[in-house]
Amino acid sequence: MTTAVRTVFVQIEAPKGSYEGRAIEGCYIVDSDMVTLTNRRGEPVHDDNGKKYTQKLGDGDNPKQIAARLTKQFRNALRGNNAAPIGWNKPLSYPKISF
């Protein structure tokens, strides 16, 4: 039996002014009561330490919300602890002030 690969989009930066914000895409499958983060082919993904990103569903859990959380965790693991904060290299926006 083939499990359908589903997609979730997660906001990582909110829109502000003319900036449109940023989002990342995650793929996941739901098999029985387990959400597993995958690539687009449905193969489970893992970080540099070999950790797979899965979570068992509880009563009332929303698989898409869990997949979103796992996607953020996986992204953070790939970026590493020494990654620059989001947006640190974007141009500074100086609003014009009228006196």
PDB file of N, CA and C in Angstrom:
ATOM      1  N   MET A   1       0.847  -1.187   0.000  1.00  0.00           N
ATOM      2  CA  MET A   1       0.000   0.000   0.000  1.00  0.00           C
ATOM      3  C   MET A   1       0.887   1.243   0.000  1.00  0.00           C
ATOM      4  N   THR A   2       0.633   2.163  -0.924  1.00  0.00           N
ATOM      5  CA  THR A   2       1.393   3.399  -1.014  1.00  0.00           C
ATOM      6  C   THR A   2       0.691   4.487  -0.222  1.00  0.00           C
ATOM      7  N   THR A   3       1.458   5.174   0.605  1.00  0.00           N
ATOM      8  CA  THR A   3       0.913   6.277   1.389  1.00  0.00           C
ATOM      9  C   THR A   3       1.136   7.569   0.619  1.00  0.00           C
ATOM     10  N   ALA A   4       0.110   8.405   0.528  1.00  0.00           N
ATOM     11  CA  ALA A   4       0.199   9.654  -0.223  1.00  0.00           C
ATOM     12  C   ALA A   4       1.118  10.646   0.479  1.00  0.00           C
ATOM     13  N   VAL A   5       1.980  11.286  -0.315  1.00  0.00           N
ATOM     14  CA  VAL A   5       2.846  12.337   0.209  1.00  0.00           C
ATOM     15  C   VAL A   5       2.038  13.628   0.205  1.00  0.00           C
ATOM     16  N   ARG A   6       1.992  14.256   1.363  1.00  0.00           N
ATOM     17  CA  ARG A   6       1.255  15.510   1.524  1.00  0.00           C
ATOM     18  C   ARG A   6       2.254  16.645   1.693  1.00  0.00           C
ATOM     19  N   THR A   7       1.794  17.863   1.446  1.00  0.00           N
ATOM     20  CA  THR A   7       2.654  19.035   1.519  1.00  0.00           C
ATOM     21  C   THR A   7       2.125  20.016   2.555  1.00  0.00           C
ATOM     22  N   VAL A   8       3.060  20.659   3.242  1.00  0.00           N
ATOM     23  CA  VAL A   8       2.707  21.699   4.201  1.00  0.00           C
ATOM     24  C   VAL A   8       3.646  22.877   3.959  1.00  0.00           C
ATOM     25  N   PHE A   9       3.126  24.094   4.052  1.00  0.00           N
ATOM     26  CA  PHE A   9       3.931  25.302   3.933  1.00  0.00           C
ATOM     27  C   PHE A   9       3.931  26.002   5.284  1.00  0.00           C
ATOM     28  N   VAL A  10       5.133  26.366   5.747  1.00  0.00           N
ATOM     29  CA  VAL A  10       5.300  26.919   7.076  1.00  0.00           C
ATOM     30  C   VAL A  10       5.905  28.316   6.967  1.00  0.00           C
ATOM     31  N   GLN A  11       5.266  29.285   7.580  1.00  0.00           N
ATOM     32  CA  GLN A  11       5.798  30.653   7.586  1.00  0.00           C
ATOM     33  C   GLN A  11       6.987  30.733   8.541  1.00  0.00           C
ATOM     34  N   ILE A  12       8.115  31.263   8.044  1.00  0.00           N
ATOM     35  CA  ILE A  12       9.274  31.445   8.914  1.00  0.00           C
ATOM     36  C   ILE A  12       9.599  32.925   9.119  1.00  0.00           C
ATOM     37  N   GLU A  13       9.056  33.784   8.269  1.00  0.00           N
ATOM     38  CA  GLU A  13       9.169  35.224   8.451  1.00  0.00           C
ATOM     39  C   GLU A  13       7.846  35.846   8.041  1.00  0.00           C
ATOM     40  N   ALA A  14       7.324  36.704   8.900  1.00  0.00           N
ATOM     41  CA  ALA A  14       6.034  37.334   8.634  1.00  0.00           C
ATOM     42  C   ALA A  14       6.192  38.485   7.629  1.00  0.00           C
ATOM     43  N   PRO A  15       5.155  38.738   6.833  1.00  0.00           N
ATOM     44  CA  PRO A  15       5.194  39.892   5.940  1.00  0.00           C
ATOM     45  C   PRO A  15       5.226  41.192   6.751  1.00  0.00           C
ATOM     46  N   LYS A  16       5.928  42.173   6.208  1.00  0.00           N
ATOM     47  CA  LYS A  16       5.988  43.480   6.877  1.00  0.00           C
ATOM     48  C   LYS A  16       6.235  44.537   5.827  1.00  0.00           C
ATOM     49  N   GLY A  17       5.334  45.502   5.750  1.00  0.00           N
ATOM     50  CA  GLY A  17       5.471  46.545   4.741  1.00  0.00           C
ATOM     51  C   GLY A  17       5.449  45.947   3.348  1.00  0.00           C
ATOM     52  N   SER A  18       6.486  46.252   2.562  1.00  0.00           N
ATOM     53  CA  SER A  18       6.556  45.718   1.200  1.00  0.00           C
ATOM     54  C   SER A  18       7.221  44.331   1.157  1.00  0.00           C
ATOM     55  N   TYR A  19       7.737  43.887   2.291  1.00  0.00           N
ATOM     56  CA  TYR A  19       8.368  42.573   2.345  1.00  0.00           C
ATOM     57  C   TYR A  19       7.289  41.498   2.418  1.00  0.00           C
ATOM     58  N   GLU A  20       7.388  40.510   1.543  1.00  0.00           N
ATOM     59  CA  GLU A  20       6.345  39.489   1.431  1.00  0.00           C
ATOM     60  C   GLU A  20       6.451  38.371   2.457  1.00  0.00           C
ATOM     61  N   GLY A  21       7.540  38.330   3.222  1.00  0.00           N
ATOM     62  CA  GLY A  21       7.725  37.258   4.178  1.00  0.00           C
ATOM     63  C   GLY A  21       8.361  36.052   3.509  1.00  0.00           C
ATOM     64  N   ARG A  22       8.570  34.987   4.294  1.00  0.00           N
ATOM     65  CA  ARG A  22       9.166  33.763   3.751  1.00  0.00           C
ATOM     66  C   ARG A  22       8.461  32.552   4.329  1.00  0.00           C
ATOM     67  N   ALA A  23       8.413  31.521   3.504  1.00  0.00           N
ATOM     68  CA  ALA A  23       7.814  30.250   3.934  1.00  0.00           C
ATOM     69  C   ALA A  23       8.697  29.118   3.418  1.00  0.00           C
ATOM     70  N   ILE A  24       8.599  27.981   4.072  1.00  0.00           N
ATOM     71  CA  ILE A  24       9.313  26.790   3.619  1.00  0.00           C
ATOM     72  C   ILE A  24       8.297  25.680   3.383  1.00  0.00           C
ATOM     73  N   GLU A  25       8.681  24.753   2.528  1.00  0.00           N
ATOM     74  CA  GLU A  25       7.818  23.629   2.188  1.00  0.00           C
ATOM     75  C   GLU A  25       8.311  22.374   2.896  1.00  0.00           C
ATOM     76  N   GLY A  26       7.381  21.612   3.401  1.00  0.00           N
ATOM     77  CA  GLY A  26       7.701  20.318   3.987  1.00  0.00           C
ATOM     78  C   GLY A  26       6.791  19.264   3.394  1.00  0.00           C
ATOM     79  N   CYS A  27       7.277  18.046   3.304  1.00  0.00           N
ATOM     80  CA  CYS A  27       6.477  16.922   2.818  1.00  0.00           C
ATOM     81  C   CYS A  27       6.371  15.901   3.936  1.00  0.00           C
ATOM     82  N   TYR A  28       5.244  15.226   3.989  1.00  0.00           N
ATOM     83  CA  TYR A  28       5.030  14.245   5.052  1.00  0.00           C
ATOM     84  C   TYR A  28       4.036  13.193   4.609  1.00  0.00           C
ATOM     85  N   ILE A  29       4.068  12.099   5.339  1.00  0.00           N
ATOM     86  CA  ILE A  29       3.079  11.042   5.149  1.00  0.00           C
ATOM     87  C   ILE A  29       2.432  10.755   6.499  1.00  0.00           C
ATOM     88  N   VAL A  30       1.222  10.243   6.438  1.00  0.00           N
ATOM     89  CA  VAL A  30       0.526   9.783   7.638  1.00  0.00           C
ATOM     90  C   VAL A  30       0.260   8.303   7.425  1.00  0.00           C
ATOM     91  N   ASP A  31       0.871   7.494   8.269  1.00  0.00           N
ATOM     92  CA  ASP A  31       0.714   6.048   8.176  1.00  0.00           C
ATOM     93  C   ASP A  31       0.185   5.559   9.516  1.00  0.00           C
ATOM     94  N   SER A  32      -1.031   5.067   9.513  1.00  0.00           N
ATOM     95  CA  SER A  32      -1.731   4.667  10.741  1.00  0.00           C
ATOM     96  C   SER A  32      -1.836   5.880  11.650  1.00  0.00           C
ATOM     97  N   ASP A  33      -1.100   5.875  12.750  1.00  0.00           N
ATOM     98  CA  ASP A  33      -1.169   7.005  13.691  1.00  0.00           C
ATOM     99  C   ASP A  33       0.188   7.700  13.808  1.00  0.00           C
ATOM    100  N   MET A  34       0.995   7.677  12.728  1.00  0.00           N
ATOM    101  CA  MET A  34       2.334   8.250  12.757  1.00  0.00           C
ATOM    102  C   MET A  34       2.514   9.249  11.609  1.00  0.00           C
ATOM    103  N   VAL A  35       2.999  10.454  11.954  1.00  0.00           N
ATOM    104  CA  VAL A  35       3.355  11.461  10.952  1.00  0.00           C
ATOM    105  C   VAL A  35       4.867  11.370  10.751  1.00  0.00           C
ATOM    106  N   THR A  36       5.295  11.247   9.502  1.00  0.00           N
ATOM    107  CA  THR A  36       6.714  11.144   9.184  1.00  0.00           C
ATOM    108  C   THR A  36       7.067  12.193   8.141  1.00  0.00           C
ATOM    109  N   LEU A  37       8.079  12.991   8.429  1.00  0.00           N
ATOM    110  CA  LEU A  37       8.577  13.979   7.483  1.00  0.00           C
ATOM    111  C   LEU A  37       9.347  13.253   6.393  1.00  0.00           C
ATOM    112  N   THR A  38       9.069  13.598   5.130  1.00  0.00           N
ATOM    113  CA  THR A  38       9.673  12.898   3.996  1.00  0.00           C
ATOM    114  C   THR A  38      10.176  13.896   2.958  1.00  0.00           C
ATOM    115  N   ASN A  39      10.817  13.358   1.921  1.00  0.00           N
ATOM    116  CA  ASN A  39      11.093  14.170   0.740  1.00  0.00           C
ATOM    117  C   ASN A  39       9.884  14.026  -0.191  1.00  0.00           C
ATOM    118  N   ARG A  40       9.958  14.600  -1.374  1.00  0.00           N
ATOM    119  CA  ARG A  40       8.808  14.556  -2.290  1.00  0.00           C
ATOM    120  C   ARG A  40       8.493  13.164  -2.815  1.00  0.00           C
ATOM    121  N   ARG A  41       9.448  12.268  -2.726  1.00  0.00           N
ATOM    122  CA  ARG A  41       9.230  10.889  -3.174  1.00  0.00           C
ATOM    123  C   ARG A  41       8.651  10.009  -2.067  1.00  0.00           C
ATOM    124  N   GLY A  42       8.494  10.569  -0.862  1.00  0.00           N
ATOM    125  CA  GLY A  42       7.939   9.797   0.242  1.00  0.00           C
ATOM    126  C   GLY A  42       8.972   9.062   1.065  1.00  0.00           C
ATOM    127  N   GLU A  43      10.259   9.339   0.829  1.00  0.00           N
ATOM    128  CA  GLU A  43      11.324   8.707   1.607  1.00  0.00           C
ATOM    129  C   GLU A  43      11.577   9.526   2.870  1.00  0.00           C
ATOM    130  N   PRO A  44      11.612   8.911   4.037  1.00  0.00           N
ATOM    131  CA  PRO A  44      11.847   9.648   5.280  1.00  0.00           C
ATOM    132  C   PRO A  44      13.158  10.441   5.229  1.00  0.00           C
ATOM    133  N   VAL A  45      13.109  11.674   5.722  1.00  0.00           N
ATOM    134  CA  VAL A  45      14.306  12.515   5.769  1.00  0.00           C
ATOM    135  C   VAL A  45      14.989  12.344   7.112  1.00  0.00           C
ATOM    136  N   HIS A  46      16.258  12.678   7.166  1.00  0.00           N
ATOM    137  CA  HIS A  46      16.992  12.629   8.430  1.00  0.00           C
ATOM    138  C   HIS A  46      18.033  13.740   8.428  1.00  0.00           C
ATOM    139  N   ASP A  47      18.411  14.186   9.605  1.00  0.00           N
ATOM    140  CA  ASP A  47      19.411  15.240   9.726  1.00  0.00           C
ATOM    141  C   ASP A  47      20.815  14.636   9.694  1.00  0.00           C
ATOM    142  N   ASP A  48      21.819  15.467   9.919  1.00  0.00           N
ATOM    143  CA  ASP A  48      23.209  15.009   9.849  1.00  0.00           C
ATOM    144  C   ASP A  48      23.543  13.956  10.903  1.00  0.00           C
ATOM    145  N   ASN A  49      22.766  13.913  11.980  1.00  0.00           N
ATOM    146  CA  ASN A  49      22.981  12.924  13.039  1.00  0.00           C
ATOM    147  C   ASN A  49      22.192  11.638  12.812  1.00  0.00           C
ATOM    148  N   GLY A  50      21.436  11.586  11.724  1.00  0.00           N
ATOM    149  CA  GLY A  50      20.651  10.396  11.417  1.00  0.00           C
ATOM    150  C   GLY A  50      19.263  10.383  12.051  1.00  0.00           C
ATOM    151  N   LYS A  51      18.895  11.470  12.730  1.00  0.00           N
ATOM    152  CA  LYS A  51      17.581  11.540  13.378  1.00  0.00           C
ATOM    153  C   LYS A  51      16.486  11.686  12.334  1.00  0.00           C
ATOM    154  N   LYS A  52      15.460  10.837  12.438  1.00  0.00           N
ATOM    155  CA  LYS A  52      14.280  10.951  11.584  1.00  0.00           C
ATOM    156  C   LYS A  52      13.231  11.771  12.328  1.00  0.00           C
ATOM    157  N   TYR A  53      12.405  12.444  11.584  1.00  0.00           N
ATOM    158  CA  TYR A  53      11.420  13.342  12.179  1.00  0.00           C
ATOM    159  C   TYR A  53      10.030  12.725  12.060  1.00  0.00           C
ATOM    160  N   THR A  54       9.589  12.117  13.150  1.00  0.00           N
ATOM    161  CA  THR A  54       8.295  11.457  13.222  1.00  0.00           C
ATOM    162  C   THR A  54       7.623  11.819  14.539  1.00  0.00           C
ATOM    163  N   GLN A  55       6.315  11.699  14.543  1.00  0.00           N
ATOM    164  CA  GLN A  55       5.563  11.891  15.784  1.00  0.00           C
ATOM    165  C   GLN A  55       4.276  11.089  15.712  1.00  0.00           C
ATOM    166  N   LYS A  56       3.985  10.431  16.808  1.00  0.00           N
ATOM    167  CA  LYS A  56       2.749   9.658  16.910  1.00  0.00           C
ATOM    168  C   LYS A  56       1.586  10.618  17.136  1.00  0.00           C
ATOM    169  N   LEU A  57       0.485  10.360  16.461  1.00  0.00           N
ATOM    170  CA  LEU A  57      -0.711  11.182  16.614  1.00  0.00           C
ATOM    171  C   LEU A  57      -1.471  10.795  17.872  1.00  0.00           C
ATOM    172  N   GLY A  58      -1.891  11.792  18.613  1.00  0.00           N
ATOM    173  CA  GLY A  58      -2.753  11.573  19.757  1.00  0.00           C
ATOM    174  C   GLY A  58      -4.195  11.881  19.373  1.00  0.00           C
ATOM    175  N   ASP A  59      -5.100  11.654  20.284  1.00  0.00           N
ATOM    176  CA  ASP A  59      -6.505  11.970  20.019  1.00  0.00           C
ATOM    177  C   ASP A  59      -6.655  13.458  19.742  1.00  0.00           C
ATOM    178  N   GLY A  60      -7.294  13.785  18.631  1.00  0.00           N
ATOM    179  CA  GLY A  60      -7.553  15.174  18.289  1.00  0.00           C
ATOM    180  C   GLY A  60      -6.386  15.907  17.649  1.00  0.00           C
ATOM    181  N   ASP A  61      -5.247  15.246  17.451  1.00  0.00           N
ATOM    182  CA  ASP A  61      -4.101  15.893  16.814  1.00  0.00           C
ATOM    183  C   ASP A  61      -4.365  16.119  15.332  1.00  0.00           C
ATOM    184  N   ASN A  62      -3.854  17.229  14.835  1.00  0.00           N
ATOM    185  CA  ASN A  62      -3.967  17.568  13.423  1.00  0.00           C
ATOM    186  C   ASN A  62      -2.642  17.209  12.748  1.00  0.00           C
ATOM    187  N   PRO A  63      -2.632  16.247  11.830  1.00  0.00           N
ATOM    188  CA  PRO A  63      -1.381  15.824  11.196  1.00  0.00           C
ATOM    189  C   PRO A  63      -0.641  16.964  10.495  1.00  0.00           C
ATOM    190  N   LYS A  64      -1.379  17.889   9.885  1.00  0.00           N
ATOM    191  CA  LYS A  64      -0.746  18.998   9.168  1.00  0.00           C
ATOM    192  C   LYS A  64      -0.006  19.927  10.133  1.00  0.00           C
ATOM    193  N   GLN A  65      -0.587  20.179  11.304  1.00  0.00           N
ATOM    194  CA  GLN A  65       0.081  21.019  12.302  1.00  0.00           C
ATOM    195  C   GLN A  65       1.341  20.334  12.829  1.00  0.00           C
ATOM    196  N   ILE A  66       1.273  19.041  13.035  1.00  0.00           N
ATOM    197  CA  ILE A  66       2.440  18.301  13.512  1.00  0.00           C
ATOM    198  C   ILE A  66       3.518  18.311  12.436  1.00  0.00           C
ATOM    199  N   ALA A  67       3.134  18.131  11.176  1.00  0.00           N
ATOM    200  CA  ALA A  67       4.101  18.165  10.077  1.00  0.00           C
ATOM    201  C   ALA A  67       4.756  19.542   9.983  1.00  0.00           C
ATOM    202  N   ALA A  68       3.995  20.596  10.225  1.00  0.00           N
ATOM    203  CA  ALA A  68       4.559  21.952  10.211  1.00  0.00           C
ATOM    204  C   ALA A  68       5.615  22.102  11.304  1.00  0.00           C
ATOM    205  N   ARG A  69       5.310  21.620  12.480  1.00  0.00           N
ATOM    206  CA  ARG A  69       6.260  21.702  13.597  1.00  0.00           C
ATOM    207  C   ARG A  69       7.520  20.883  13.297  1.00  0.00           C
ATOM    208  N   LEU A  70       7.340  19.686  12.746  1.00  0.00           N
ATOM    209  CA  LEU A  70       8.480  18.846  12.392  1.00  0.00           C
ATOM    210  C   LEU A  70       9.327  19.494  11.287  1.00  0.00           C
ATOM    211  N   THR A  71       8.675  20.170  10.350  1.00  0.00           N
ATOM    212  CA  THR A  71       9.386  20.858   9.278  1.00  0.00           C
ATOM    213  C   THR A  71      10.284  21.949   9.839  1.00  0.00           C
ATOM    214  N   LYS A  72       9.773  22.718  10.788  1.00  0.00           N
ATOM    215  CA  LYS A  72      10.589  23.762  11.421  1.00  0.00           C
ATOM    216  C   LYS A  72      11.757  23.149  12.188  1.00  0.00           C
ATOM    217  N   GLN A  73      11.504  22.074  12.905  1.00  0.00           N
ATOM    218  CA  GLN A  73      12.575  21.412  13.656  1.00  0.00           C
ATOM    219  C   GLN A  73      13.647  20.876  12.714  1.00  0.00           C
ATOM    220  N   PHE A  74      13.228  20.281  11.602  1.00  0.00           N
ATOM    221  CA  PHE A  74      14.169  19.737  10.630  1.00  0.00           C
ATOM    222  C   PHE A  74      14.993  20.859   9.999  1.00  0.00           C
ATOM    223  N   ARG A  75      14.354  21.949   9.659  1.00  0.00           N
ATOM    224  CA  ARG A  75      15.067  23.096   9.082  1.00  0.00           C
ATOM    225  C   ARG A  75      16.116  23.613  10.059  1.00  0.00           C
ATOM    226  N   ASN A  76      15.730  23.759  11.324  1.00  0.00           N
ATOM    227  CA  ASN A  76      16.679  24.238  12.329  1.00  0.00           C
ATOM    228  C   ASN A  76      17.851  23.273  12.483  1.00  0.00           C
ATOM    229  N   ALA A  77      17.594  21.980  12.416  1.00  0.00           N
ATOM    230  CA  ALA A  77      18.665  20.994  12.527  1.00  0.00           C
ATOM    231  C   ALA A  77      19.621  21.099  11.338  1.00  0.00           C
ATOM    232  N   LEU A  78      19.089  21.338  10.148  1.00  0.00           N
ATOM    233  CA  LEU A  78      19.942  21.462   8.969  1.00  0.00           C
ATOM    234  C   LEU A  78      20.750  22.757   8.992  1.00  0.00           C
ATOM    235  N   ARG A  79      20.176  23.813   9.534  1.00  0.00           N
ATOM    236  CA  ARG A  79      20.888  25.099   9.612  1.00  0.00           C
ATOM    237  C   ARG A  79      22.010  25.056  10.636  1.00  0.00           C
ATOM    238  N   GLY A  80      21.838  24.271  11.689  1.00  0.00           N
ATOM    239  CA  GLY A  80      22.863  24.151  12.714  1.00  0.00           C
ATOM    240  C   GLY A  80      22.771  25.245  13.761  1.00  0.00           C
ATOM    241  N   ASN A  81      23.474  25.039  14.870  1.00  0.00           N
ATOM    242  CA  ASN A  81      23.441  25.998  15.971  1.00  0.00           C
ATOM    243  C   ASN A  81      24.184  27.283  15.658  1.00  0.00           C
ATOM    244  N   ASN A  82      25.103  27.244  14.713  1.00  0.00           N
ATOM    245  CA  ASN A  82      25.900  28.423  14.408  1.00  0.00           C
ATOM    246  C   ASN A  82      25.360  29.221  13.236  1.00  0.00           C
ATOM    247  N   ALA A  83      24.157  28.912  12.787  1.00  0.00           N
ATOM    248  CA  ALA A  83      23.568  29.618  11.655  1.00  0.00           C
ATOM    249  C   ALA A  83      23.243  31.052  12.060  1.00  0.00           C
ATOM    250  N   ALA A  84      23.400  31.932  11.102  1.00  0.00           N
ATOM    251  CA  ALA A  84      23.066  33.342  11.346  1.00  0.00           C
ATOM    252  C   ALA A  84      21.560  33.473  11.569  1.00  0.00           C
ATOM    253  N   PRO A  85      21.154  34.412  12.401  1.00  0.00           N
ATOM    254  CA  PRO A  85      19.720  34.626  12.609  1.00  0.00           C
ATOM    255  C   PRO A  85      19.022  34.972  11.294  1.00  0.00           C
ATOM    256  N   ILE A  86      17.764  34.616  11.199  1.00  0.00           N
ATOM    257  CA  ILE A  86      16.995  34.886   9.994  1.00  0.00           C
ATOM    258  C   ILE A  86      16.979  36.389   9.734  1.00  0.00           C
ATOM    259  N   GLY A  87      17.275  36.749   8.497  1.00  0.00           N
ATOM    260  CA  GLY A  87      17.185  38.140   8.095  1.00  0.00           C
ATOM    261  C   GLY A  87      18.397  38.994   8.413  1.00  0.00           C
ATOM    262  N   TRP A  88      19.439  38.436   8.972  1.00  0.00           N
ATOM    263  CA  TRP A  88      20.589  39.255   9.361  1.00  0.00           C
ATOM    264  C   TRP A  88      21.288  39.877   8.163  1.00  0.00           C
ATOM    265  N   ASN A  89      21.168  39.283   6.987  1.00  0.00           N
ATOM    266  CA  ASN A  89      21.865  39.801   5.814  1.00  0.00           C
ATOM    267  C   ASN A  89      20.953  40.543   4.848  1.00  0.00           C
ATOM    268  N   LYS A  90      19.736  40.826   5.260  1.00  0.00           N
ATOM    269  CA  LYS A  90      18.825  41.579   4.411  1.00  0.00           C
ATOM    270  C   LYS A  90      19.172  43.059   4.490  1.00  0.00           C
ATOM    271  N   PRO A  91      18.835  43.809   3.449  1.00  0.00           N
ATOM    272  CA  PRO A  91      19.072  45.250   3.504  1.00  0.00           C
ATOM    273  C   PRO A  91      18.259  45.873   4.641  1.00  0.00           C
ATOM    274  N   LEU A  92      18.838  46.871   5.271  1.00  0.00           N
ATOM    275  CA  LEU A  92      18.127  47.587   6.328  1.00  0.00           C
ATOM    276  C   LEU A  92      17.105  48.523   5.698  1.00  0.00           C
ATOM    277  N   SER A  93      15.969  48.605   6.324  1.00  0.00           N
ATOM    278  CA  SER A  93      14.912  49.488   5.859  1.00  0.00           C
ATOM    279  C   SER A  93      14.824  50.682   6.787  1.00  0.00           C
ATOM    280  N   TYR A  94      15.163  51.869   6.264  1.00  0.00           N
ATOM    281  CA  TYR A  94      15.086  53.096   7.043  1.00  0.00           C
ATOM    282  C   TYR A  94      13.861  53.877   6.606  1.00  0.00           C
ATOM    283  N   PRO A  95      12.843  53.949   7.445  1.00  0.00           N
ATOM    284  CA  PRO A  95      11.655  54.702   7.049  1.00  0.00           C
ATOM    285  C   PRO A  95      11.971  56.193   6.970  1.00  0.00           C
ATOM    286  N   LYS A  96      11.337  56.847   5.991  1.00  0.00           N
ATOM    287  CA  LYS A  96      11.525  58.286   5.843  1.00  0.00           C
ATOM    288  C   LYS A  96      10.668  58.999   6.882  1.00  0.00           C
ATOM    289  N   ILE A  97      11.284  59.922   7.563  1.00  0.00           N
ATOM    290  CA  ILE A  97      10.575  60.669   8.607  1.00  0.00           C
ATOM    291  C   ILE A  97      10.478  62.126   8.172  1.00  0.00           C
ATOM    292  N   SER A  98       9.280  62.635   8.198  1.00  0.00           N
ATOM    293  CA  SER A  98       9.058  64.044   7.841  1.00  0.00           C
ATOM    294  C   SER A  98       8.975  64.866   9.105  1.00  0.00           C
ATOM    295  N   PHE A  99       9.649  65.986   9.097  1.00  0.00           N
ATOM    296  CA  PHE A  99       9.600  66.889  10.265  1.00  0.00           C
ATOM    297  C   PHE A  99       8.854  68.137   9.910  1.00  0.00           C
TER     298      PHE A  99
END
